[in-house]
Amino acid sequence: MSPSKRKPAYLLHRSTGQARVRIAGKNTYLGKFGTPESRERYEELVAA
């Protein structure tokens, strides 16, 4: 079976208001949800 080509989701951690992404079973918190900084960090992690 081929690996998935989908990008991991950019998600909101409701209790803290932070953005998060789950890659390889690990949650990484990116900063305040919806900010340009958190989106930039998300793109960096997904590209790696």
C-alpha atoms as a PDB file:
ATOM      1  CA  MET A   1       0.000   0.000   0.000  1.00  0.00           C
ATOM      2  CA  SER A   2       1.382   3.442  -0.902  1.00  0.00           C
ATOM      3  CA  PRO A   3       1.927   6.139   1.712  1.00  0.00           C
ATOM      4  CA  SER A   4      -0.713   8.826   2.020  1.00  0.00           C
ATOM      5  CA  LYS A   5      -0.211  12.020   0.019  1.00  0.00           C
ATOM      6  CA  ARG A   6      -2.491  14.114   2.262  1.00  0.00           C
ATOM      7  CA  LYS A   7      -1.065  16.831   4.477  1.00  0.00           C
ATOM      8  CA  PRO A   8      -1.682  16.443   8.220  1.00  0.00           C
ATOM      9  CA  ALA A   9      -4.494  18.648   9.493  1.00  0.00           C
ATOM     10  CA  TYR A  10      -3.930  22.045  11.103  1.00  0.00           C
ATOM     11  CA  LEU A  11      -6.044  21.675  14.242  1.00  0.00           C
ATOM     12  CA  LEU A  12      -7.280  23.707  17.208  1.00  0.00           C
ATOM     13  CA  HIS A  13      -6.541  22.459  20.727  1.00  0.00           C
ATOM     14  CA  ARG A  14      -9.692  23.861  22.308  1.00  0.00           C
ATOM     15  CA  SER A  15      -8.678  23.975  25.963  1.00  0.00           C
ATOM     16  CA  THR A  16      -5.512  26.015  25.267  1.00  0.00           C
ATOM     17  CA  GLY A  17      -6.490  27.865  22.074  1.00  0.00           C
ATOM     18  CA  GLN A  18      -3.311  26.678  20.387  1.00  0.00           C
ATOM     19  CA  ALA A  19      -2.823  25.289  16.919  1.00  0.00           C
ATOM     20  CA  ARG A  20      -1.484  21.759  16.703  1.00  0.00           C
ATOM     21  CA  VAL A  21      -0.496  19.206  14.110  1.00  0.00           C
ATOM     22  CA  ARG A  22      -0.129  15.445  14.571  1.00  0.00           C
ATOM     23  CA  ILE A  23       2.786  13.958  12.616  1.00  0.00           C
ATOM     24  CA  ALA A  24       3.934  10.358  13.089  1.00  0.00           C
ATOM     25  CA  GLY A  25       1.777  10.010  16.202  1.00  0.00           C
ATOM     26  CA  LYS A  26       3.211  13.081  17.953  1.00  0.00           C
ATOM     27  CA  ASN A  27       1.305  16.308  18.609  1.00  0.00           C
ATOM     28  CA  THR A  28       3.283  19.477  18.034  1.00  0.00           C
ATOM     29  CA  TYR A  29       1.910  22.774  19.310  1.00  0.00           C
ATOM     30  CA  LEU A  30       2.451  25.706  16.982  1.00  0.00           C
ATOM     31  CA  GLY A  31       1.303  28.771  18.929  1.00  0.00           C
ATOM     32  CA  LYS A  32      -1.957  30.684  18.963  1.00  0.00           C
ATOM     33  CA  PHE A  33      -4.458  29.218  16.480  1.00  0.00           C
ATOM     34  CA  GLY A  34      -4.953  31.189  13.265  1.00  0.00           C
ATOM     35  CA  THR A  35      -1.871  33.407  13.523  1.00  0.00           C
ATOM     36  CA  PRO A  36       0.535  33.782  10.605  1.00  0.00           C
ATOM     37  CA  GLU A  37       3.345  32.493  12.833  1.00  0.00           C
ATOM     38  CA  SER A  38       1.519  29.244  13.610  1.00  0.00           C
ATOM     39  CA  ARG A  39       0.669  28.733   9.917  1.00  0.00           C
ATOM     40  CA  GLU A  40       4.310  29.297   8.978  1.00  0.00           C
ATOM     41  CA  ARG A  41       5.500  26.793  11.599  1.00  0.00           C
ATOM     42  CA  TYR A  42       2.886  24.301  10.313  1.00  0.00           C
ATOM     43  CA  GLU A  43       4.161  24.614   6.725  1.00  0.00           C
ATOM     44  CA  GLU A  44       7.761  24.119   7.904  1.00  0.00           C
ATOM     45  CA  LEU A  45       6.887  20.938   9.800  1.00  0.00           C
ATOM     46  CA  VAL A  46       4.808  19.463   6.981  1.00  0.00           C
ATOM     47  CA  ALA A  47       7.542  20.146   4.434  1.00  0.00           C
ATOM     48  CA  ALA A  48      10.173  18.364   6.563  1.00  0.00           C
END
